[in-house]
Amino acid sequence: MNESKAQGFRLGMRDGIPIGLGYLAVAFSLGITARNAGLNAFQGFLISILNNASAGEYAGITVIAANAAYAEIAIVTLITNARYLLMSCAMSQRLEPGLSLGHRLLMGFDITDELFGIAIARPGYLNPYYTYGAMLMAMPGWSIGTSLGIIAGNILPERVVSALSVALFGMFLAVIIPPARKNKVVAVLVALSFAASFAFSVLPLVSTLSDGTRTIILTVVISAGAALLFPVPREKPAAKSDFTESDAEKGASHS
C-alpha cells in the first residue's frame, strides 16, 4: 500500500476524534436511560464497549428494564442493528483481496454509521489500520460517556435525571425528522410506527405481550411492509465502457 500502517492509523485517529467527542455527548443521555434501568457504571461501560450502537443499545436497555428474557434481548438488538449487516457487505467490497480473516473480523466489530461513512469515503482499498485508529478514538467516547451518564444519574437530583432522560428521545427525533421532511413515505411510516406502538400498548391481546416481543413484531412487520409497498428503485448499472482496466489500476494504486 502507498499509505503505511502508521500513516493510516494516525489518519484514522485524527478523523475519529470528532466522532468520539460526539459519541461522548450522546452516550451520556444513554447512560441516564441505563441508570433508570438499574445498570451500574461498569455494566454500562461494558454494554457500550461491546455494542457501539445507540438505537440497538437503547432497545436492549429498554427490554432489560422490562425484565425480558435473554432471547428477546438478543433478537431485539439483532433486528435494531440489522443495518450494519448491509454496511459490512459494502465495506467488504472495498477490502484488498487476500486480507486476512482476523483483519476482517476486527474491522467488522465496530461498524457504526459515522465510522462507516469516513471509511467508505476514502479512495481505493480500505486500510484496516485507518479503521483501527478511528475505532480507538470512537469507542472510548461512547463507553465512557455511558458510564458518566450513569454516574451523574446516581448523583444528580431526581428531577434533573428525569429531565435528562428525555435527551435521548431528542436525539432520535433529530435522526428521523430530516428524512421525514424530505420524504412523505418516511413521514407516514414514522407516524404509523408511533400509532402502532401506542395501539400495541393498550389493545387487549397484544398489550399482554412483553415490551421486547412487541418491539420485535412492530419492527419486522412495519419494515417488511415498507420494503414491499415502497421499494427503493435500483440505479441503472454503469456501462462496461465506463470502467476500464486503467480505472482498476488506479484503484489498486491506492492500496
C-alpha atoms as a PDB file:
ATOM      1  CA  MET A   1       0.000   0.000   0.000  1.00  0.00           C
ATOM      2  CA  ASN A   2       1.163   3.575  -0.690  1.00  0.00           C
ATOM      3  CA  GLU A   3      -0.190   4.503   2.740  1.00  0.00           C
ATOM      4  CA  SER A   4       1.730   2.765   5.511  1.00  0.00           C
ATOM      5  CA  LYS A   5       0.145   1.164   8.549  1.00  0.00           C
ATOM      6  CA  ALA A   6       1.354   4.006  10.790  1.00  0.00           C
ATOM      7  CA  GLN A   7       0.085   6.693   8.413  1.00  0.00           C
ATOM      8  CA  GLY A   8      -3.310   5.041   8.133  1.00  0.00           C
ATOM      9  CA  PHE A   9      -3.543   4.641  11.896  1.00  0.00           C
ATOM     10  CA  ARG A  10      -2.708   8.317  12.502  1.00  0.00           C
ATOM     11  CA  LEU A  11      -5.218   9.476   9.900  1.00  0.00           C
ATOM     12  CA  GLY A  12      -7.871   7.257  11.469  1.00  0.00           C
ATOM     13  CA  MET A  13      -7.187   8.719  14.903  1.00  0.00           C
ATOM     14  CA  ARG A  14      -7.401  12.241  13.508  1.00  0.00           C
ATOM     15  CA  ASP A  15     -10.742  11.592  11.807  1.00  0.00           C
ATOM     16  CA  GLY A  16     -12.041   9.647  14.806  1.00  0.00           C
ATOM     17  CA  ILE A  17     -11.519  12.415  17.385  1.00  0.00           C
ATOM     18  CA  PRO A  18     -14.625  14.494  16.482  1.00  0.00           C
ATOM     19  CA  ILE A  19     -16.668  11.287  16.267  1.00  0.00           C
ATOM     20  CA  GLY A  20     -15.506  10.243  19.729  1.00  0.00           C
ATOM     21  CA  LEU A  21     -16.412  13.661  21.170  1.00  0.00           C
ATOM     22  CA  GLY A  22     -19.863  13.450  19.611  1.00  0.00           C
ATOM     23  CA  TYR A  23     -20.316   9.939  20.990  1.00  0.00           C
ATOM     24  CA  LEU A  24     -19.343  11.161  24.468  1.00  0.00           C
ATOM     25  CA  ALA A  25     -22.224  13.651  24.499  1.00  0.00           C
ATOM     26  CA  VAL A  26     -24.838  11.298  23.040  1.00  0.00           C
ATOM     27  CA  ALA A  27     -23.827   8.348  25.204  1.00  0.00           C
ATOM     28  CA  PHE A  28     -24.275  10.494  28.322  1.00  0.00           C
ATOM     29  CA  SER A  29     -28.014  10.512  27.646  1.00  0.00           C
ATOM     30  CA  LEU A  30     -27.927   6.781  27.021  1.00  0.00           C
ATOM     31  CA  GLY A  31     -26.251   6.396  30.418  1.00  0.00           C
ATOM     32  CA  ILE A  32     -29.192   8.142  32.074  1.00  0.00           C
ATOM     33  CA  THR A  33     -31.509   5.590  30.453  1.00  0.00           C
ATOM     34  CA  ALA A  34     -29.242   2.734  31.549  1.00  0.00           C
ATOM     35  CA  ARG A  35     -29.210   4.082  35.097  1.00  0.00           C
ATOM     36  CA  ASN A  36     -33.019   4.164  35.140  1.00  0.00           C
ATOM     37  CA  ALA A  37     -32.953   0.508  34.060  1.00  0.00           C
ATOM     38  CA  GLY A  38     -30.862  -0.358  37.133  1.00  0.00           C
ATOM     39  CA  LEU A  39     -27.439  -0.732  35.496  1.00  0.00           C
ATOM     40  CA  ASN A  40     -24.279   0.432  37.234  1.00  0.00           C
ATOM     41  CA  ALA A  41     -21.407   2.359  35.640  1.00  0.00           C
ATOM     42  CA  PHE A  42     -19.312  -0.734  34.897  1.00  0.00           C
ATOM     43  CA  GLN A  43     -22.232  -2.556  33.307  1.00  0.00           C
ATOM     44  CA  GLY A  44     -23.000   0.484  31.167  1.00  0.00           C
ATOM     45  CA  PHE A  45     -19.356   0.715  30.098  1.00  0.00           C
ATOM     46  CA  LEU A  46     -19.285  -2.976  29.212  1.00  0.00           C
ATOM     47  CA  ILE A  47     -22.506  -2.780  27.181  1.00  0.00           C
ATOM     48  CA  SER A  48     -21.261   0.213  25.207  1.00  0.00           C
ATOM     49  CA  ILE A  49     -17.752  -1.113  24.548  1.00  0.00           C
ATOM     50  CA  LEU A  50     -19.218  -4.363  23.200  1.00  0.00           C
ATOM     51  CA  ASN A  51     -22.244  -2.915  21.401  1.00  0.00           C
ATOM     52  CA  ASN A  52     -21.429   0.506  19.995  1.00  0.00           C
ATOM     53  CA  ALA A  53     -24.885   1.392  18.682  1.00  0.00           C
ATOM     54  CA  SER A  54     -27.279   3.950  20.110  1.00  0.00           C
ATOM     55  CA  ALA A  55     -30.576   2.538  18.806  1.00  0.00           C
ATOM     56  CA  GLY A  56     -29.552  -1.062  19.471  1.00  0.00           C
ATOM     57  CA  GLU A  57     -28.411  -0.311  22.997  1.00  0.00           C
ATOM     58  CA  TYR A  58     -31.472   1.740  23.797  1.00  0.00           C
ATOM     59  CA  ALA A  59     -33.739  -1.069  22.595  1.00  0.00           C
ATOM     60  CA  GLY A  60     -31.726  -3.594  24.593  1.00  0.00           C
ATOM     61  CA  ILE A  61     -31.742  -1.473  27.743  1.00  0.00           C
ATOM     62  CA  THR A  62     -35.484  -0.918  27.391  1.00  0.00           C
ATOM     63  CA  VAL A  63     -36.230  -4.631  27.342  1.00  0.00           C
ATOM     64  CA  ILE A  64     -33.723  -5.203  30.169  1.00  0.00           C
ATOM     65  CA  ALA A  65     -35.719  -2.727  32.250  1.00  0.00           C
ATOM     66  CA  ALA A  66     -38.828  -4.783  31.439  1.00  0.00           C
ATOM     67  CA  ASN A  67     -37.135  -7.959  32.752  1.00  0.00           C
ATOM     68  CA  ALA A  68     -37.215  -9.544  29.294  1.00  0.00           C
ATOM     69  CA  ALA A  69     -35.713 -12.925  28.577  1.00  0.00           C
ATOM     70  CA  TYR A  70     -32.205 -13.187  27.136  1.00  0.00           C
ATOM     71  CA  ALA A  71     -33.614 -14.411  23.828  1.00  0.00           C
ATOM     72  CA  GLU A  72     -35.812 -11.317  23.493  1.00  0.00           C
ATOM     73  CA  ILE A  73     -32.899  -9.023  24.255  1.00  0.00           C
ATOM     74  CA  ALA A  74     -30.765 -10.765  21.630  1.00  0.00           C
ATOM     75  CA  ILE A  75     -33.476 -10.652  18.952  1.00  0.00           C
ATOM     76  CA  VAL A  76     -34.364  -7.010  19.604  1.00  0.00           C
ATOM     77  CA  THR A  77     -30.708  -5.991  19.406  1.00  0.00           C
ATOM     78  CA  LEU A  78     -30.163  -8.051  16.250  1.00  0.00           C
ATOM     79  CA  ILE A  79     -33.147  -6.528  14.452  1.00  0.00           C
ATOM     80  CA  THR A  80     -32.335  -2.980  15.526  1.00  0.00           C
ATOM     81  CA  ASN A  81     -28.727  -3.317  14.379  1.00  0.00           C
ATOM     82  CA  ALA A  82     -29.528  -5.189  11.154  1.00  0.00           C
ATOM     83  CA  ARG A  83     -28.467  -2.238   9.001  1.00  0.00           C
ATOM     84  CA  TYR A  84     -24.863  -2.880  10.000  1.00  0.00           C
ATOM     85  CA  LEU A  85     -25.010  -6.151   8.101  1.00  0.00           C
ATOM     86  CA  LEU A  86     -25.522  -4.137   4.913  1.00  0.00           C
ATOM     87  CA  MET A  87     -22.711  -1.767   5.831  1.00  0.00           C
ATOM     88  CA  SER A  88     -20.423  -4.731   6.409  1.00  0.00           C
ATOM     89  CA  CYS A  89     -21.236  -6.088   2.964  1.00  0.00           C
ATOM     90  CA  ALA A  90     -20.500  -2.699   1.406  1.00  0.00           C
ATOM     91  CA  MET A  91     -17.170  -2.417   3.211  1.00  0.00           C
ATOM     92  CA  SER A  92     -16.184  -5.953   2.263  1.00  0.00           C
ATOM     93  CA  GLN A  93     -16.251  -4.908  -1.385  1.00  0.00           C
ATOM     94  CA  ARG A  94     -13.600  -2.293  -0.658  1.00  0.00           C
ATOM     95  CA  LEU A  95     -11.112  -4.562   1.098  1.00  0.00           C
ATOM     96  CA  GLU A  96      -7.920  -5.664  -0.568  1.00  0.00           C
ATOM     97  CA  PRO A  97      -8.138  -9.229  -1.915  1.00  0.00           C
ATOM     98  CA  GLY A  98      -6.319 -11.598   0.394  1.00  0.00           C
ATOM     99  CA  LEU A  99      -6.841  -9.511   3.526  1.00  0.00           C
ATOM    100  CA  SER A 100      -6.730 -11.899   6.475  1.00  0.00           C
ATOM    101  CA  LEU A 101      -9.842 -13.069   8.298  1.00  0.00           C
ATOM    102  CA  GLY A 102      -8.524 -11.523  11.516  1.00  0.00           C
ATOM    103  CA  HIS A 103      -8.447  -8.045   9.986  1.00  0.00           C
ATOM    104  CA  ARG A 104     -11.903  -8.518   8.510  1.00  0.00           C
ATOM    105  CA  LEU A 105     -13.402  -9.572  11.842  1.00  0.00           C
ATOM    106  CA  LEU A 106     -11.735  -6.742  13.739  1.00  0.00           C
ATOM    107  CA  MET A 107     -12.877  -4.135  11.223  1.00  0.00           C
ATOM    108  CA  GLY A 108     -16.400  -5.538  11.356  1.00  0.00           C
ATOM    109  CA  PHE A 109     -16.519  -5.384  15.151  1.00  0.00           C
ATOM    110  CA  ASP A 110     -17.161  -1.647  15.264  1.00  0.00           C
ATOM    111  CA  ILE A 111     -19.017  -0.560  12.143  1.00  0.00           C
ATOM    112  CA  THR A 112     -21.125   2.435  13.101  1.00  0.00           C
ATOM    113  CA  ASP A 113     -22.851   4.934  10.830  1.00  0.00           C
ATOM    114  CA  GLU A 114     -20.087   7.505  11.342  1.00  0.00           C
ATOM    115  CA  LEU A 115     -17.114   5.133  11.133  1.00  0.00           C
ATOM    116  CA  PHE A 116     -18.613   3.535   8.032  1.00  0.00           C
ATOM    117  CA  GLY A 117     -19.064   6.972   6.481  1.00  0.00           C
ATOM    118  CA  ILE A 118     -15.474   8.141   6.909  1.00  0.00           C
ATOM    119  CA  ALA A 119     -14.060   4.782   5.827  1.00  0.00           C
ATOM    120  CA  ILE A 120     -16.171   4.302   2.712  1.00  0.00           C
ATOM    121  CA  ALA A 121     -15.437   7.869   1.569  1.00  0.00           C
ATOM    122  CA  ARG A 122     -11.726   7.127   1.210  1.00  0.00           C
ATOM    123  CA  PRO A 123     -10.418   6.241  -2.249  1.00  0.00           C
ATOM    124  CA  GLY A 124      -9.038   2.854  -3.205  1.00  0.00           C
ATOM    125  CA  TYR A 125      -8.838  -0.179  -0.954  1.00  0.00           C
ATOM    126  CA  LEU A 126      -9.619   0.374   2.725  1.00  0.00           C
ATOM    127  CA  ASN A 127      -6.593   0.396   5.011  1.00  0.00           C
ATOM    128  CA  PRO A 128      -7.573  -1.649   8.098  1.00  0.00           C
ATOM    129  CA  TYR A 129      -5.242   0.427  10.257  1.00  0.00           C
ATOM    130  CA  TYR A 130      -7.191   3.558   9.357  1.00  0.00           C
ATOM    131  CA  THR A 131     -10.290   1.876  10.770  1.00  0.00           C
ATOM    132  CA  TYR A 132      -8.394   0.823  13.906  1.00  0.00           C
ATOM    133  CA  GLY A 133      -7.251   4.385  14.538  1.00  0.00           C
ATOM    134  CA  ALA A 134     -10.796   5.713  14.195  1.00  0.00           C
ATOM    135  CA  MET A 135     -12.124   2.963  16.456  1.00  0.00           C
ATOM    136  CA  LEU A 136      -9.511   3.833  19.103  1.00  0.00           C
ATOM    137  CA  MET A 137     -10.970   7.339  19.349  1.00  0.00           C
ATOM    138  CA  ALA A 138     -14.653   6.498  18.950  1.00  0.00           C
ATOM    139  CA  MET A 139     -15.162   3.503  21.223  1.00  0.00           C
ATOM    140  CA  PRO A 140     -13.860   5.091  24.468  1.00  0.00           C
ATOM    141  CA  GLY A 141     -16.023   8.172  23.852  1.00  0.00           C
ATOM    142  CA  TRP A 142     -19.140   6.029  23.609  1.00  0.00           C
ATOM    143  CA  SER A 143     -18.412   3.700  26.537  1.00  0.00           C
ATOM    144  CA  ILE A 144     -17.052   6.386  28.888  1.00  0.00           C
ATOM    145  CA  GLY A 145     -19.981   8.662  28.036  1.00  0.00           C
ATOM    146  CA  THR A 146     -22.404   5.904  29.025  1.00  0.00           C
ATOM    147  CA  SER A 147     -20.624   5.389  32.346  1.00  0.00           C
ATOM    148  CA  LEU A 148     -20.572   9.132  33.061  1.00  0.00           C
ATOM    149  CA  GLY A 149     -24.305   9.312  32.381  1.00  0.00           C
ATOM    150  CA  ILE A 150     -24.958   6.534  34.895  1.00  0.00           C
ATOM    151  CA  ILE A 151     -22.697   8.142  37.491  1.00  0.00           C
ATOM    152  CA  ALA A 152     -24.356  11.536  37.002  1.00  0.00           C
ATOM    153  CA  GLY A 153     -27.766   9.906  37.255  1.00  0.00           C
ATOM    154  CA  ASN A 154     -26.829   8.499  40.657  1.00  0.00           C
ATOM    155  CA  ILE A 155     -25.607  11.879  41.915  1.00  0.00           C
ATOM    156  CA  LEU A 156     -27.999  14.422  40.445  1.00  0.00           C
ATOM    157  CA  PRO A 157     -31.457  15.141  41.908  1.00  0.00           C
ATOM    158  CA  GLU A 158     -34.296  13.015  40.571  1.00  0.00           C
ATOM    159  CA  ARG A 159     -35.913  15.974  38.805  1.00  0.00           C
ATOM    160  CA  VAL A 160     -32.741  16.661  36.863  1.00  0.00           C
ATOM    161  CA  VAL A 161     -32.350  12.974  35.988  1.00  0.00           C
ATOM    162  CA  SER A 162     -35.947  12.882  34.767  1.00  0.00           C
ATOM    163  CA  ALA A 163     -35.284  15.913  32.556  1.00  0.00           C
ATOM    164  CA  LEU A 164     -32.062  14.447  31.158  1.00  0.00           C
ATOM    165  CA  SER A 165     -33.756  11.137  30.381  1.00  0.00           C
ATOM    166  CA  VAL A 166     -35.670  12.778  27.521  1.00  0.00           C
ATOM    167  CA  ALA A 167     -32.450  13.910  25.819  1.00  0.00           C
ATOM    168  CA  LEU A 168     -32.037  10.580  24.055  1.00  0.00           C
ATOM    169  CA  PHE A 169     -35.529  10.881  22.598  1.00  0.00           C
ATOM    170  CA  GLY A 170     -34.474  14.287  21.291  1.00  0.00           C
ATOM    171  CA  MET A 171     -31.554  12.646  19.524  1.00  0.00           C
ATOM    172  CA  PHE A 172     -33.826  10.091  17.871  1.00  0.00           C
ATOM    173  CA  LEU A 173     -36.174  12.872  16.772  1.00  0.00           C
ATOM    174  CA  ALA A 174     -33.191  14.667  15.242  1.00  0.00           C
ATOM    175  CA  VAL A 175     -32.458  11.486  13.304  1.00  0.00           C
ATOM    176  CA  ILE A 176     -35.965  10.849  11.946  1.00  0.00           C
ATOM    177  CA  ILE A 177     -37.316  14.380  11.342  1.00  0.00           C
ATOM    178  CA  PRO A 178     -34.961  15.478   8.496  1.00  0.00           C
ATOM    179  CA  PRO A 179     -35.633  12.415   6.286  1.00  0.00           C
ATOM    180  CA  ALA A 180     -39.338  12.581   7.183  1.00  0.00           C
ATOM    181  CA  ARG A 181     -39.481  16.179   5.922  1.00  0.00           C
ATOM    182  CA  LYS A 182     -37.834  15.188   2.635  1.00  0.00           C
ATOM    183  CA  ASN A 183     -39.825  12.010   2.005  1.00  0.00           C
ATOM    184  CA  LYS A 184     -43.572  11.714   2.589  1.00  0.00           C
ATOM    185  CA  VAL A 185     -43.358   7.914   2.721  1.00  0.00           C
ATOM    186  CA  VAL A 186     -40.869   8.096   5.587  1.00  0.00           C
ATOM    187  CA  ALA A 187     -43.086  10.633   7.380  1.00  0.00           C
ATOM    188  CA  VAL A 188     -46.128   8.367   7.080  1.00  0.00           C
ATOM    189  CA  LEU A 189     -44.159   5.341   8.292  1.00  0.00           C
ATOM    190  CA  VAL A 190     -42.839   7.280  11.299  1.00  0.00           C
ATOM    191  CA  ALA A 191     -46.363   8.384  12.235  1.00  0.00           C
ATOM    192  CA  LEU A 192     -47.623   4.834  11.700  1.00  0.00           C
ATOM    193  CA  SER A 193     -44.891   3.479  13.965  1.00  0.00           C
ATOM    194  CA  PHE A 194     -45.872   5.846  16.766  1.00  0.00           C
ATOM    195  CA  ALA A 195     -49.554   4.990  16.382  1.00  0.00           C
ATOM    196  CA  ALA A 196     -48.939   1.246  16.199  1.00  0.00           C
ATOM    197  CA  SER A 197     -46.652   1.325  19.238  1.00  0.00           C
ATOM    198  CA  PHE A 198     -49.340   3.101  21.264  1.00  0.00           C
ATOM    199  CA  ALA A 199     -52.045   0.732  19.993  1.00  0.00           C
ATOM    200  CA  PHE A 200     -49.975  -2.314  20.926  1.00  0.00           C
ATOM    201  CA  SER A 201     -49.627  -0.999  24.471  1.00  0.00           C
ATOM    202  CA  VAL A 202     -53.400  -0.718  25.041  1.00  0.00           C
ATOM    203  CA  LEU A 203     -55.085  -3.361  22.861  1.00  0.00           C
ATOM    204  CA  PRO A 204     -56.356  -6.354  24.882  1.00  0.00           C
ATOM    205  CA  LEU A 205     -54.348  -9.185  23.342  1.00  0.00           C
ATOM    206  CA  VAL A 206     -51.043  -7.652  22.267  1.00  0.00           C
ATOM    207  CA  SER A 207     -50.727  -5.466  25.371  1.00  0.00           C
ATOM    208  CA  THR A 208     -50.172  -8.615  27.413  1.00  0.00           C
ATOM    209  CA  LEU A 209     -47.009  -9.371  25.430  1.00  0.00           C
ATOM    210  CA  SER A 210     -43.665  -8.232  26.798  1.00  0.00           C
ATOM    211  CA  ASP A 211     -42.108  -4.973  25.605  1.00  0.00           C
ATOM    212  CA  GLY A 212     -39.409  -6.889  23.770  1.00  0.00           C
ATOM    213  CA  THR A 213     -41.867  -9.077  21.866  1.00  0.00           C
ATOM    214  CA  ARG A 214     -43.995  -6.073  20.868  1.00  0.00           C
ATOM    215  CA  THR A 215     -40.892  -4.258  19.633  1.00  0.00           C
ATOM    216  CA  ILE A 216     -39.815  -7.265  17.570  1.00  0.00           C
ATOM    217  CA  ILE A 217     -43.253  -7.660  15.980  1.00  0.00           C
ATOM    218  CA  LEU A 218     -43.640  -3.964  15.147  1.00  0.00           C
ATOM    219  CA  THR A 219     -40.119  -3.639  13.748  1.00  0.00           C
ATOM    220  CA  VAL A 220     -40.393  -6.670  11.490  1.00  0.00           C
ATOM    221  CA  VAL A 221     -43.958  -6.000  10.289  1.00  0.00           C
ATOM    222  CA  ILE A 222     -43.553  -2.276   9.574  1.00  0.00           C
ATOM    223  CA  SER A 223     -40.112  -2.553   7.955  1.00  0.00           C
ATOM    224  CA  ALA A 224     -41.165  -5.553   5.830  1.00  0.00           C
ATOM    225  CA  GLY A 225     -44.381  -3.819   4.783  1.00  0.00           C
ATOM    226  CA  ALA A 226     -42.487  -0.663   3.829  1.00  0.00           C
ATOM    227  CA  ALA A 227     -39.979  -2.670   1.780  1.00  0.00           C
ATOM    228  CA  LEU A 228     -42.782  -4.441  -0.110  1.00  0.00           C
ATOM    229  CA  LEU A 229     -45.014  -1.419  -0.715  1.00  0.00           C
ATOM    230  CA  PHE A 230     -42.340   1.230  -1.268  1.00  0.00           C
ATOM    231  CA  PRO A 231     -39.225  -0.446  -2.680  1.00  0.00           C
ATOM    232  CA  VAL A 232     -36.215   1.757  -3.399  1.00  0.00           C
ATOM    233  CA  PRO A 233     -35.694   1.887  -7.185  1.00  0.00           C
ATOM    234  CA  ARG A 234     -32.474   0.345  -8.381  1.00  0.00           C
ATOM    235  CA  GLU A 235     -29.910   2.510 -10.078  1.00  0.00           C
ATOM    236  CA  LYS A 236     -29.052   1.576 -13.627  1.00  0.00           C
ATOM    237  CA  PRO A 237     -25.741  -0.296 -13.772  1.00  0.00           C
ATOM    238  CA  ALA A 238     -22.878   1.561 -15.357  1.00  0.00           C
ATOM    239  CA  ALA A 239     -21.998   0.643 -18.908  1.00  0.00           C
ATOM    240  CA  LYS A 240     -18.997  -1.611 -19.363  1.00  0.00           C
ATOM    241  CA  SER A 241     -17.156   1.163 -21.136  1.00  0.00           C
ATOM    242  CA  ASP A 242     -17.411   3.329 -18.018  1.00  0.00           C
ATOM    243  CA  PHE A 243     -14.990   1.067 -16.155  1.00  0.00           C
ATOM    244  CA  THR A 244     -11.729   0.187 -17.795  1.00  0.00           C
ATOM    245  CA  GLU A 245      -8.599  -1.629 -16.815  1.00  0.00           C
ATOM    246  CA  SER A 246      -6.932   1.730 -16.174  1.00  0.00           C
ATOM    247  CA  ASP A 247      -9.653   2.504 -13.622  1.00  0.00           C
ATOM    248  CA  ALA A 248      -8.912  -0.770 -11.824  1.00  0.00           C
ATOM    249  CA  GLU A 249      -5.226   0.058 -11.814  1.00  0.00           C
ATOM    250  CA  LYS A 250      -5.988   3.461 -10.283  1.00  0.00           C
ATOM    251  CA  GLY A 251      -7.997   1.813  -7.510  1.00  0.00           C
ATOM    252  CA  ALA A 252      -5.234  -0.673  -6.881  1.00  0.00           C
ATOM    253  CA  SER A 253      -2.630   2.120  -6.792  1.00  0.00           C
ATOM    254  CA  HIS A 254      -4.246   3.408  -3.575  1.00  0.00           C
ATOM    255  CA  SER A 255      -3.590   0.111  -1.861  1.00  0.00           C
END
